[in-house]
N, C-alpha and C. Protein backbone atom coordinates (compact mmCIF):
# COMPACT_ATOMS: atom_id res chain seq x y z
N MET A 1 0.85 -1.19 0.00
CA MET A 1 0.00 0.00 0.00
C MET A 1 0.89 1.24 0.00
N ILE A 2 0.68 2.13 -0.97
CA ILE A 2 1.43 3.37 -1.04
C ILE A 2 0.63 4.46 -0.31
N TYR A 3 1.16 4.91 0.82
CA TYR A 3 0.46 5.90 1.64
C TYR A 3 0.62 7.30 1.07
N SER A 4 1.81 7.63 0.60
CA SER A 4 2.07 8.96 0.07
C SER A 4 3.31 8.94 -0.82
N VAL A 5 3.45 9.97 -1.62
CA VAL A 5 4.67 10.15 -2.42
C VAL A 5 5.17 11.57 -2.17
N ARG A 6 6.49 11.69 -2.08
CA ARG A 6 7.08 13.01 -1.84
C ARG A 6 8.30 13.19 -2.74
N GLY A 7 8.34 14.33 -3.39
CA GLY A 7 9.47 14.61 -4.26
C GLY A 7 9.21 15.80 -5.15
N LYS A 8 9.86 15.81 -6.30
CA LYS A 8 9.78 16.92 -7.23
C LYS A 8 8.73 16.64 -8.31
N VAL A 9 7.91 17.63 -8.60
CA VAL A 9 6.94 17.49 -9.68
C VAL A 9 7.67 17.69 -11.00
N ILE A 10 7.71 16.64 -11.81
CA ILE A 10 8.45 16.73 -13.08
C ILE A 10 7.52 16.89 -14.29
N HIS A 11 6.23 16.70 -14.07
CA HIS A 11 5.29 16.87 -15.18
C HIS A 11 3.87 16.99 -14.64
N THR A 12 3.08 17.84 -15.26
CA THR A 12 1.65 17.92 -14.95
C THR A 12 0.87 18.08 -16.25
N ASP A 13 -0.32 17.53 -16.26
CA ASP A 13 -1.27 17.80 -17.33
C ASP A 13 -2.65 17.68 -16.72
N SER A 14 -3.68 17.69 -17.53
CA SER A 14 -5.04 17.66 -17.00
C SER A 14 -5.27 16.44 -16.12
N PHE A 15 -5.51 16.69 -14.83
CA PHE A 15 -5.83 15.66 -13.84
C PHE A 15 -4.66 14.71 -13.53
N THR A 16 -3.43 15.09 -13.84
CA THR A 16 -2.29 14.23 -13.53
C THR A 16 -1.09 15.05 -13.06
N ALA A 17 -0.41 14.54 -12.03
CA ALA A 17 0.85 15.12 -11.57
C ALA A 17 1.85 13.98 -11.44
N VAL A 18 3.03 14.14 -12.02
CA VAL A 18 4.06 13.11 -11.92
C VAL A 18 5.10 13.60 -10.90
N VAL A 19 5.23 12.82 -9.82
CA VAL A 19 6.15 13.18 -8.73
C VAL A 19 7.33 12.20 -8.75
N GLU A 20 8.55 12.73 -8.86
CA GLU A 20 9.75 11.89 -8.88
C GLU A 20 10.25 11.63 -7.46
N CYS A 21 10.31 10.36 -7.11
CA CYS A 21 10.78 9.96 -5.78
C CYS A 21 11.89 8.92 -5.98
N GLY A 22 13.11 9.26 -5.56
CA GLY A 22 14.23 8.32 -5.68
C GLY A 22 14.50 7.87 -7.09
N GLY A 23 14.32 8.77 -8.04
CA GLY A 23 14.58 8.45 -9.43
C GLY A 23 13.42 7.80 -10.17
N VAL A 24 12.31 7.56 -9.47
CA VAL A 24 11.12 6.95 -10.09
C VAL A 24 10.00 7.99 -10.15
N GLY A 25 9.40 8.14 -11.31
CA GLY A 25 8.30 9.10 -11.46
C GLY A 25 6.96 8.42 -11.25
N TYR A 26 6.22 8.86 -10.25
CA TYR A 26 4.90 8.30 -9.95
C TYR A 26 3.82 9.19 -10.55
N ALA A 27 3.06 8.65 -11.49
CA ALA A 27 1.97 9.41 -12.12
C ALA A 27 0.74 9.31 -11.23
N CYS A 28 0.37 10.43 -10.66
CA CYS A 28 -0.78 10.46 -9.75
C CYS A 28 -1.95 11.20 -10.41
N ARG A 29 -3.03 10.52 -10.57
CA ARG A 29 -4.25 11.17 -11.05
C ARG A 29 -4.75 12.05 -9.91
N THR A 30 -5.20 13.24 -10.22
CA THR A 30 -5.56 14.17 -9.14
C THR A 30 -6.59 15.19 -9.60
N THR A 31 -6.90 16.13 -8.73
CA THR A 31 -7.91 17.16 -9.02
C THR A 31 -7.24 18.46 -9.44
N LEU A 32 -8.05 19.33 -10.01
CA LEU A 32 -7.54 20.65 -10.39
C LEU A 32 -7.15 21.45 -9.14
N ASN A 33 -7.86 21.22 -8.04
CA ASN A 33 -7.54 21.92 -6.79
C ASN A 33 -6.15 21.53 -6.29
N THR A 34 -5.82 20.25 -6.35
CA THR A 34 -4.49 19.81 -5.93
C THR A 34 -3.42 20.33 -6.89
N LEU A 35 -3.70 20.31 -8.18
CA LEU A 35 -2.74 20.84 -9.16
C LEU A 35 -2.44 22.32 -8.88
N GLN A 36 -3.47 23.07 -8.51
CA GLN A 36 -3.27 24.48 -8.17
C GLN A 36 -2.47 24.62 -6.88
N ALA A 37 -2.72 23.72 -5.93
CA ALA A 37 -2.04 23.80 -4.63
C ALA A 37 -0.55 23.51 -4.74
N ILE A 38 -0.16 22.66 -5.68
CA ILE A 38 1.25 22.28 -5.79
C ILE A 38 1.99 23.07 -6.88
N ALA A 39 1.26 23.88 -7.61
CA ALA A 39 1.86 24.63 -8.71
C ALA A 39 3.01 25.51 -8.22
N GLY A 40 4.17 25.41 -8.86
CA GLY A 40 5.32 26.25 -8.52
C GLY A 40 6.15 25.77 -7.35
N LYS A 41 5.74 24.69 -6.69
CA LYS A 41 6.50 24.18 -5.54
C LYS A 41 7.56 23.18 -6.00
N GLU A 42 8.74 23.28 -5.40
CA GLU A 42 9.83 22.37 -5.77
C GLU A 42 9.67 20.99 -5.14
N ASP A 43 9.22 20.97 -3.89
CA ASP A 43 9.06 19.71 -3.17
C ASP A 43 7.61 19.58 -2.72
N VAL A 44 6.96 18.48 -3.07
CA VAL A 44 5.56 18.31 -2.71
C VAL A 44 5.35 16.92 -2.11
N MET A 45 4.27 16.78 -1.35
CA MET A 45 3.85 15.48 -0.85
C MET A 45 2.38 15.30 -1.18
N LEU A 46 2.06 14.18 -1.78
CA LEU A 46 0.67 13.85 -2.09
C LEU A 46 0.27 12.60 -1.32
N LEU A 47 -0.87 12.67 -0.66
CA LEU A 47 -1.44 11.49 0.01
C LEU A 47 -2.13 10.67 -1.07
N THR A 48 -1.95 9.38 -1.05
CA THR A 48 -2.37 8.58 -2.19
C THR A 48 -3.40 7.50 -1.90
N HIS A 49 -4.04 7.10 -2.99
CA HIS A 49 -4.98 5.97 -2.96
C HIS A 49 -4.69 5.13 -4.19
N LEU A 50 -4.43 3.84 -4.00
CA LEU A 50 -4.14 2.94 -5.11
C LEU A 50 -5.42 2.21 -5.50
N ASN A 51 -5.82 2.39 -6.74
CA ASN A 51 -7.05 1.78 -7.24
C ASN A 51 -6.68 0.64 -8.21
N VAL A 52 -7.06 -0.57 -7.86
CA VAL A 52 -6.71 -1.74 -8.66
C VAL A 52 -7.96 -2.30 -9.33
N ARG A 53 -7.90 -2.37 -10.67
CA ARG A 53 -8.99 -2.98 -11.43
C ARG A 53 -8.42 -4.10 -12.29
N GLU A 54 -9.29 -4.85 -12.92
CA GLU A 54 -8.83 -5.94 -13.76
C GLU A 54 -7.99 -5.44 -14.93
N ASP A 55 -8.35 -4.26 -15.44
CA ASP A 55 -7.68 -3.75 -16.64
C ASP A 55 -6.70 -2.62 -16.37
N ALA A 56 -6.56 -2.19 -15.10
CA ALA A 56 -5.66 -1.06 -14.83
C ALA A 56 -5.33 -0.95 -13.35
N VAL A 57 -4.15 -0.38 -13.08
CA VAL A 57 -3.75 -0.04 -11.72
C VAL A 57 -3.42 1.45 -11.74
N GLU A 58 -4.18 2.24 -10.97
CA GLU A 58 -4.01 3.69 -10.99
C GLU A 58 -3.71 4.22 -9.60
N LEU A 59 -2.83 5.22 -9.55
CA LEU A 59 -2.48 5.86 -8.29
C LEU A 59 -3.08 7.26 -8.29
N PHE A 60 -3.80 7.58 -7.24
CA PHE A 60 -4.42 8.89 -7.11
C PHE A 60 -3.74 9.65 -5.96
N GLY A 61 -3.46 10.92 -6.16
CA GLY A 61 -2.76 11.70 -5.15
C GLY A 61 -3.46 13.01 -4.86
N PHE A 62 -3.43 13.42 -3.58
CA PHE A 62 -4.14 14.62 -3.15
C PHE A 62 -3.29 15.44 -2.19
N ALA A 63 -3.43 16.75 -2.29
CA ALA A 63 -2.63 17.65 -1.46
C ALA A 63 -3.05 17.64 0.00
N THR A 64 -4.31 17.25 0.29
CA THR A 64 -4.80 17.23 1.67
C THR A 64 -5.50 15.91 1.98
N GLY A 65 -5.49 15.56 3.26
CA GLY A 65 -6.19 14.37 3.70
C GLY A 65 -7.69 14.50 3.54
N GLU A 66 -8.20 15.73 3.63
CA GLU A 66 -9.64 15.96 3.50
C GLU A 66 -10.10 15.63 2.08
N GLU A 67 -9.30 16.03 1.11
CA GLU A 67 -9.68 15.74 -0.27
C GLU A 67 -9.59 14.24 -0.56
N LEU A 68 -8.58 13.59 0.00
CA LEU A 68 -8.46 12.14 -0.15
C LEU A 68 -9.67 11.42 0.42
N GLU A 69 -10.10 11.82 1.63
CA GLU A 69 -11.25 11.18 2.26
C GLU A 69 -12.53 11.41 1.45
N ALA A 70 -12.69 12.62 0.92
CA ALA A 70 -13.86 12.92 0.09
C ALA A 70 -13.84 12.05 -1.17
N PHE A 71 -12.66 11.87 -1.75
CA PHE A 71 -12.52 11.02 -2.94
C PHE A 71 -12.92 9.59 -2.62
N LYS A 72 -12.44 9.05 -1.51
CA LYS A 72 -12.77 7.68 -1.12
C LYS A 72 -14.27 7.51 -0.92
N MET A 73 -14.89 8.52 -0.33
CA MET A 73 -16.33 8.44 -0.11
C MET A 73 -17.08 8.44 -1.43
N LEU A 74 -16.65 9.28 -2.34
CA LEU A 74 -17.34 9.38 -3.63
C LEU A 74 -17.25 8.07 -4.43
N ILE A 75 -16.08 7.46 -4.46
CA ILE A 75 -15.94 6.23 -5.25
C ILE A 75 -16.63 5.04 -4.57
N SER A 76 -17.07 5.23 -3.34
CA SER A 76 -17.84 4.18 -2.67
C SER A 76 -19.30 4.19 -3.10
N VAL A 77 -19.71 5.27 -3.77
CA VAL A 77 -21.09 5.40 -4.23
C VAL A 77 -21.28 4.59 -5.51
N SER A 78 -22.35 3.85 -5.57
CA SER A 78 -22.65 3.04 -6.74
C SER A 78 -22.74 3.91 -8.00
N GLY A 79 -21.96 3.54 -9.01
CA GLY A 79 -22.01 4.28 -10.27
C GLY A 79 -21.05 5.44 -10.36
N ILE A 80 -20.31 5.74 -9.27
CA ILE A 80 -19.33 6.83 -9.28
C ILE A 80 -17.93 6.25 -9.36
N GLY A 81 -17.27 6.49 -10.48
CA GLY A 81 -15.91 6.02 -10.66
C GLY A 81 -14.91 7.09 -10.31
N PRO A 82 -13.63 6.76 -10.34
CA PRO A 82 -12.57 7.73 -10.01
C PRO A 82 -12.63 8.99 -10.88
N LYS A 83 -12.92 8.85 -12.18
CA LYS A 83 -12.95 10.00 -13.08
C LYS A 83 -14.03 10.99 -12.65
N ALA A 84 -15.22 10.48 -12.33
CA ALA A 84 -16.31 11.35 -11.90
C ALA A 84 -15.99 12.00 -10.55
N ALA A 85 -15.35 11.23 -9.65
CA ALA A 85 -14.98 11.76 -8.34
C ALA A 85 -13.99 12.90 -8.48
N LEU A 86 -13.02 12.75 -9.39
CA LEU A 86 -12.04 13.82 -9.61
C LEU A 86 -12.71 15.06 -10.18
N SER A 87 -13.68 14.86 -11.07
CA SER A 87 -14.40 16.00 -11.65
C SER A 87 -15.16 16.77 -10.57
N ILE A 88 -15.80 16.03 -9.68
CA ILE A 88 -16.57 16.66 -8.61
C ILE A 88 -15.65 17.45 -7.68
N LEU A 89 -14.53 16.83 -7.29
CA LEU A 89 -13.61 17.49 -6.36
C LEU A 89 -12.73 18.54 -7.03
N SER A 90 -12.81 18.61 -8.35
CA SER A 90 -12.15 19.71 -9.06
C SER A 90 -13.07 20.92 -9.10
N ALA A 91 -14.37 20.64 -9.00
CA ALA A 91 -15.36 21.72 -9.07
C ALA A 91 -15.71 22.29 -7.71
N MET A 92 -15.37 21.57 -6.63
CA MET A 92 -15.70 22.05 -5.28
C MET A 92 -14.65 21.59 -4.27
N THR A 93 -14.52 22.33 -3.20
CA THR A 93 -13.59 21.97 -2.13
C THR A 93 -14.21 20.85 -1.28
N PRO A 94 -13.41 20.18 -0.46
CA PRO A 94 -13.98 19.16 0.43
C PRO A 94 -15.08 19.72 1.34
N SER A 95 -14.93 20.96 1.82
CA SER A 95 -15.95 21.53 2.68
C SER A 95 -17.24 21.80 1.91
N ALA A 96 -17.11 22.25 0.65
CA ALA A 96 -18.29 22.48 -0.18
C ALA A 96 -18.98 21.16 -0.51
N PHE A 97 -18.18 20.12 -0.72
CA PHE A 97 -18.72 18.78 -0.97
C PHE A 97 -19.51 18.29 0.24
N ALA A 98 -18.93 18.43 1.43
CA ALA A 98 -19.60 17.98 2.65
C ALA A 98 -20.89 18.76 2.88
N LEU A 99 -20.84 20.06 2.61
CA LEU A 99 -22.03 20.89 2.79
C LEU A 99 -23.13 20.48 1.83
N ALA A 100 -22.76 20.20 0.58
CA ALA A 100 -23.75 19.79 -0.42
C ALA A 100 -24.42 18.48 -0.02
N VAL A 101 -23.63 17.54 0.49
CA VAL A 101 -24.19 16.26 0.93
C VAL A 101 -25.08 16.47 2.16
N ALA A 102 -24.59 17.24 3.12
CA ALA A 102 -25.32 17.45 4.38
C ALA A 102 -26.67 18.12 4.16
N THR A 103 -26.75 19.02 3.19
CA THR A 103 -27.99 19.77 2.95
C THR A 103 -28.82 19.19 1.82
N GLY A 104 -28.33 18.11 1.20
CA GLY A 104 -29.07 17.52 0.09
C GLY A 104 -29.10 18.40 -1.14
N ASP A 105 -28.06 19.20 -1.32
CA ASP A 105 -27.99 20.13 -2.45
C ASP A 105 -27.52 19.39 -3.70
N THR A 106 -28.44 18.70 -4.37
CA THR A 106 -28.08 17.93 -5.55
C THR A 106 -27.67 18.82 -6.72
N LYS A 107 -28.14 20.05 -6.73
CA LYS A 107 -27.78 20.97 -7.82
C LYS A 107 -26.28 21.22 -7.86
N ALA A 108 -25.64 21.22 -6.69
CA ALA A 108 -24.19 21.44 -6.62
C ALA A 108 -23.46 20.36 -7.40
N PHE A 109 -24.03 19.15 -7.44
CA PHE A 109 -23.41 18.05 -8.16
C PHE A 109 -23.78 18.03 -9.64
N THR A 110 -25.04 18.38 -9.95
CA THR A 110 -25.44 18.39 -11.35
C THR A 110 -24.76 19.51 -12.13
N ASN A 111 -24.21 20.49 -11.41
CA ASN A 111 -23.45 21.55 -12.08
C ASN A 111 -22.12 21.04 -12.62
N VAL A 112 -21.72 19.86 -12.14
CA VAL A 112 -20.47 19.25 -12.60
C VAL A 112 -20.74 18.47 -13.89
N LYS A 113 -19.91 18.68 -14.90
CA LYS A 113 -20.10 18.02 -16.19
C LYS A 113 -20.08 16.51 -16.03
N GLY A 114 -21.09 15.86 -16.58
CA GLY A 114 -21.17 14.41 -16.54
C GLY A 114 -21.95 13.85 -15.37
N ILE A 115 -22.40 14.71 -14.45
CA ILE A 115 -23.18 14.26 -13.30
C ILE A 115 -24.64 14.64 -13.50
N GLY A 116 -25.48 13.63 -13.70
CA GLY A 116 -26.90 13.86 -13.91
C GLY A 116 -27.68 13.92 -12.61
N ALA A 117 -28.97 14.18 -12.73
CA ALA A 117 -29.83 14.33 -11.55
C ALA A 117 -29.90 13.05 -10.72
N LYS A 118 -30.03 11.89 -11.39
CA LYS A 118 -30.12 10.63 -10.65
C LYS A 118 -28.83 10.32 -9.90
N THR A 119 -27.71 10.59 -10.55
CA THR A 119 -26.41 10.35 -9.91
C THR A 119 -26.23 11.28 -8.72
N ALA A 120 -26.63 12.53 -8.88
CA ALA A 120 -26.52 13.51 -7.79
C ALA A 120 -27.37 13.08 -6.59
N GLN A 121 -28.56 12.58 -6.86
CA GLN A 121 -29.43 12.11 -5.77
C GLN A 121 -28.82 10.90 -5.07
N ARG A 122 -28.19 10.03 -5.85
CA ARG A 122 -27.55 8.84 -5.28
C ARG A 122 -26.41 9.25 -4.36
N ILE A 123 -25.62 10.23 -4.78
CA ILE A 123 -24.51 10.71 -3.95
C ILE A 123 -25.04 11.21 -2.62
N SER A 124 -26.08 12.03 -2.69
CA SER A 124 -26.65 12.63 -1.47
C SER A 124 -27.22 11.55 -0.55
N LEU A 125 -27.97 10.62 -1.12
CA LEU A 125 -28.62 9.59 -0.31
C LEU A 125 -27.62 8.62 0.31
N GLU A 126 -26.62 8.19 -0.47
CA GLU A 126 -25.69 7.18 0.02
C GLU A 126 -24.65 7.73 0.98
N LEU A 127 -24.34 9.02 0.87
CA LEU A 127 -23.28 9.57 1.71
C LEU A 127 -23.77 10.36 2.92
N LYS A 128 -25.03 10.75 2.91
CA LYS A 128 -25.53 11.60 4.00
C LYS A 128 -25.36 10.93 5.36
N ASP A 129 -25.81 9.69 5.47
CA ASP A 129 -25.70 8.97 6.74
C ASP A 129 -24.25 8.66 7.07
N LYS A 130 -23.45 8.37 6.04
CA LYS A 130 -22.05 8.03 6.27
C LYS A 130 -21.28 9.22 6.80
N ILE A 131 -21.57 10.41 6.26
CA ILE A 131 -20.91 11.61 6.75
C ILE A 131 -21.27 11.85 8.21
N ALA A 132 -22.54 11.67 8.55
CA ALA A 132 -22.98 11.87 9.92
C ALA A 132 -22.34 10.84 10.86
N LYS A 133 -22.25 9.59 10.39
CA LYS A 133 -21.70 8.50 11.23
C LYS A 133 -20.20 8.65 11.44
N ASP A 134 -19.50 8.96 10.36
CA ASP A 134 -18.04 9.00 10.43
C ASP A 134 -17.49 10.33 10.91
N THR A 135 -18.35 11.38 10.98
CA THR A 135 -17.92 12.72 11.37
C THR A 135 -16.66 13.12 10.61
N ILE A 136 -16.80 13.27 9.31
CA ILE A 136 -15.67 13.59 8.44
C ILE A 136 -15.14 14.97 8.74
N SER A 137 -13.85 15.08 8.83
CA SER A 137 -13.20 16.38 9.03
C SER A 137 -12.88 16.99 7.69
N VAL A 138 -13.24 18.25 7.51
CA VAL A 138 -12.90 18.98 6.30
C VAL A 138 -12.28 20.30 6.71
N ARG A 139 -11.71 21.00 5.75
CA ARG A 139 -11.04 22.25 6.07
C ARG A 139 -11.58 23.38 5.22
N GLY A 140 -11.79 24.51 5.87
CA GLY A 140 -12.22 25.69 5.16
C GLY A 140 -11.01 26.47 4.71
N GLY A 141 -11.26 27.64 4.13
CA GLY A 141 -10.17 28.44 3.59
C GLY A 141 -9.17 28.86 4.63
N GLY A 142 -9.60 29.01 5.89
CA GLY A 142 -8.69 29.46 6.93
C GLY A 142 -7.86 28.35 7.52
N GLY A 143 -8.13 27.10 7.12
CA GLY A 143 -7.33 25.98 7.59
C GLY A 143 -7.83 25.37 8.88
N ALA A 144 -8.90 25.92 9.47
CA ALA A 144 -9.42 25.37 10.71
C ALA A 144 -10.15 24.07 10.45
N SER A 145 -10.03 23.12 11.34
CA SER A 145 -10.70 21.84 11.16
C SER A 145 -12.18 21.99 11.47
N LEU A 146 -13.00 21.48 10.55
CA LEU A 146 -14.45 21.57 10.72
C LEU A 146 -15.00 20.15 10.77
N ASN A 147 -16.13 19.96 11.42
CA ASN A 147 -16.73 18.64 11.48
C ASN A 147 -18.18 18.69 11.05
N VAL A 148 -18.58 17.63 10.37
CA VAL A 148 -19.98 17.48 10.01
C VAL A 148 -20.67 16.74 11.14
N ALA A 149 -21.63 17.38 11.76
CA ALA A 149 -22.29 16.79 12.92
C ALA A 149 -23.36 15.79 12.48
N PRO A 150 -23.76 14.89 13.37
CA PRO A 150 -24.81 13.94 13.04
C PRO A 150 -26.11 14.65 12.67
N ILE A 151 -26.86 14.05 11.77
CA ILE A 151 -28.10 14.64 11.28
C ILE A 151 -29.28 13.87 11.83
N ALA A 152 -30.21 14.57 12.43
CA ALA A 152 -31.36 13.90 13.05
C ALA A 152 -32.49 13.67 12.05
N GLY A 153 -32.44 14.33 10.90
CA GLY A 153 -33.44 14.05 9.88
C GLY A 153 -34.45 15.15 9.66
N ASN A 154 -34.46 16.23 10.46
CA ASN A 154 -35.39 17.32 10.21
C ASN A 154 -34.63 18.54 9.74
N ASN A 155 -35.39 19.55 9.27
CA ASN A 155 -34.76 20.73 8.70
C ASN A 155 -33.85 21.46 9.66
N ALA A 156 -34.27 21.57 10.92
CA ALA A 156 -33.46 22.30 11.90
C ALA A 156 -32.12 21.61 12.13
N SER A 157 -32.13 20.30 12.30
CA SER A 157 -30.88 19.59 12.55
C SER A 157 -29.98 19.60 11.32
N GLU A 158 -30.58 19.57 10.13
CA GLU A 158 -29.77 19.63 8.91
C GLU A 158 -29.13 21.00 8.77
N ALA A 159 -29.86 22.05 9.15
CA ALA A 159 -29.32 23.41 9.10
C ALA A 159 -28.17 23.55 10.09
N ILE A 160 -28.33 22.98 11.28
CA ILE A 160 -27.27 23.02 12.30
C ILE A 160 -26.03 22.29 11.79
N CYS A 161 -26.26 21.16 11.14
CA CYS A 161 -25.16 20.39 10.56
C CYS A 161 -24.40 21.23 9.53
N ALA A 162 -25.13 21.88 8.65
CA ALA A 162 -24.51 22.69 7.60
C ALA A 162 -23.72 23.85 8.19
N LEU A 163 -24.27 24.47 9.21
CA LEU A 163 -23.57 25.59 9.86
C LEU A 163 -22.30 25.11 10.55
N SER A 164 -22.33 23.88 11.06
CA SER A 164 -21.13 23.30 11.68
C SER A 164 -20.04 23.12 10.63
N VAL A 165 -20.45 22.71 9.42
CA VAL A 165 -19.50 22.56 8.33
C VAL A 165 -18.82 23.89 8.02
N LEU A 166 -19.58 24.97 8.17
CA LEU A 166 -19.07 26.29 7.87
C LEU A 166 -18.23 26.88 9.01
N GLY A 167 -18.08 26.14 10.10
CA GLY A 167 -17.15 26.56 11.14
C GLY A 167 -17.76 27.05 12.44
N TYR A 168 -19.08 27.06 12.52
CA TYR A 168 -19.73 27.50 13.77
C TYR A 168 -19.85 26.33 14.74
N SER A 169 -19.82 26.62 16.02
CA SER A 169 -19.94 25.56 17.02
C SER A 169 -21.38 25.06 17.04
N GLN A 170 -21.58 23.88 17.61
CA GLN A 170 -22.92 23.32 17.73
C GLN A 170 -23.83 24.26 18.53
N GLY A 171 -23.26 24.87 19.59
CA GLY A 171 -24.04 25.78 20.42
C GLY A 171 -24.48 27.03 19.67
N GLU A 172 -23.55 27.61 18.91
CA GLU A 172 -23.87 28.80 18.13
C GLU A 172 -24.93 28.49 17.08
N ALA A 173 -24.74 27.38 16.38
CA ALA A 173 -25.66 27.01 15.32
C ALA A 173 -27.06 26.72 15.88
N ALA A 174 -27.12 25.96 16.97
CA ALA A 174 -28.40 25.62 17.57
C ALA A 174 -29.13 26.87 18.09
N SER A 175 -28.36 27.79 18.65
CA SER A 175 -28.95 29.03 19.16
C SER A 175 -29.58 29.84 18.04
N ALA A 176 -28.88 29.94 16.91
CA ALA A 176 -29.39 30.72 15.79
C ALA A 176 -30.61 30.05 15.15
N VAL A 177 -30.51 28.76 14.92
CA VAL A 177 -31.61 28.02 14.29
C VAL A 177 -32.85 28.00 15.19
N GLY A 178 -32.61 27.97 16.50
CA GLY A 178 -33.73 27.95 17.44
C GLY A 178 -34.58 29.21 17.42
N LYS A 179 -34.06 30.28 16.87
CA LYS A 179 -34.81 31.53 16.79
C LYS A 179 -35.69 31.62 15.54
N LEU A 180 -35.59 30.61 14.68
CA LEU A 180 -36.29 30.66 13.40
C LEU A 180 -37.58 29.85 13.39
N ASP A 181 -38.41 30.13 12.40
CA ASP A 181 -39.64 29.39 12.18
C ASP A 181 -39.27 27.97 11.74
N PRO A 182 -39.68 26.94 12.47
CA PRO A 182 -39.30 25.56 12.13
C PRO A 182 -39.86 25.07 10.80
N SER A 183 -40.81 25.80 10.23
CA SER A 183 -41.39 25.38 8.95
C SER A 183 -40.56 25.83 7.75
N LEU A 184 -39.51 26.62 8.01
CA LEU A 184 -38.67 27.11 6.92
C LEU A 184 -37.90 25.96 6.28
N SER A 185 -37.52 26.15 5.02
CA SER A 185 -36.70 25.15 4.34
C SER A 185 -35.29 25.18 4.93
N VAL A 186 -34.52 24.12 4.69
CA VAL A 186 -33.15 24.05 5.19
C VAL A 186 -32.33 25.22 4.65
N GLU A 187 -32.47 25.47 3.35
CA GLU A 187 -31.69 26.54 2.73
C GLU A 187 -32.00 27.90 3.35
N GLU A 188 -33.30 28.15 3.61
CA GLU A 188 -33.69 29.44 4.19
C GLU A 188 -33.21 29.54 5.64
N MET A 189 -33.26 28.42 6.36
CA MET A 189 -32.75 28.41 7.73
C MET A 189 -31.26 28.76 7.77
N ILE A 190 -30.50 28.18 6.85
CA ILE A 190 -29.07 28.45 6.79
C ILE A 190 -28.82 29.92 6.49
N LYS A 191 -29.55 30.44 5.51
CA LYS A 191 -29.38 31.83 5.09
C LYS A 191 -29.68 32.79 6.25
N GLN A 192 -30.81 32.58 6.93
CA GLN A 192 -31.18 33.47 8.04
C GLN A 192 -30.26 33.29 9.24
N SER A 193 -29.83 32.07 9.49
CA SER A 193 -28.93 31.81 10.61
C SER A 193 -27.60 32.50 10.42
N LEU A 194 -27.12 32.51 9.18
CA LEU A 194 -25.85 33.18 8.89
C LEU A 194 -25.94 34.66 9.19
N LYS A 195 -27.09 35.27 8.91
CA LYS A 195 -27.29 36.68 9.22
C LYS A 195 -27.24 36.90 10.73
N ILE A 196 -27.91 36.00 11.47
CA ILE A 196 -27.91 36.10 12.93
C ILE A 196 -26.51 35.91 13.49
N LEU A 197 -25.81 34.90 13.01
CA LEU A 197 -24.48 34.59 13.52
C LEU A 197 -23.45 35.64 13.17
N SER A 198 -23.61 36.28 12.03
CA SER A 198 -22.66 37.33 11.65
C SER A 198 -22.74 38.52 12.61
N GLY A 199 -23.91 38.70 13.21
CA GLY A 199 -24.08 39.78 14.17
C GLY A 199 -23.62 39.42 15.57
N MET A 200 -23.44 38.10 15.81
CA MET A 200 -23.02 37.63 17.12
C MET A 200 -21.50 37.65 17.28
N ARG A 201 -20.77 37.62 16.16
CA ARG A 201 -19.31 37.52 16.23
C ARG A 201 -18.65 38.87 16.05
């Protein structure tokens, strides 16, 4: 099992970075976000996932553990292969991915080329409970560790979960959501809660 590769980037093209380690160049399939993160760096480390199929052996590499975990979750979904997973994670950050799953935002996935409505619904349905169970850690732009909280199944708890993904504590999120009309949609709850929370900080 190859856990990671570290060395000099000797070649990049669409969705691929070749990292030379000890004289051997490892071709790592990756996302546009990782390619941007390593651009211009002399020494890089990519966390890897080795995918073995009957007709191919492919190595995938990511600049962060959060992106690697999101990739693993996506390829666990029926009908989602590595290529589709890379496309999704090239179009959104791990935190945006977690938020889309937590809130059932299938449109975020259908905006990605090659992802249809049925596939987007499958991603949301198959990963929603897994994200809640595994409490996946993702990172926002500031680098702070964020957690997706368990989802109880109603709009208020889903809104609290989404706000947690965005970096607010469970207490802050629950306090803001508790001030709202419980009949509101999840999206509207998030929007109004953000207004409340922005005034609290």
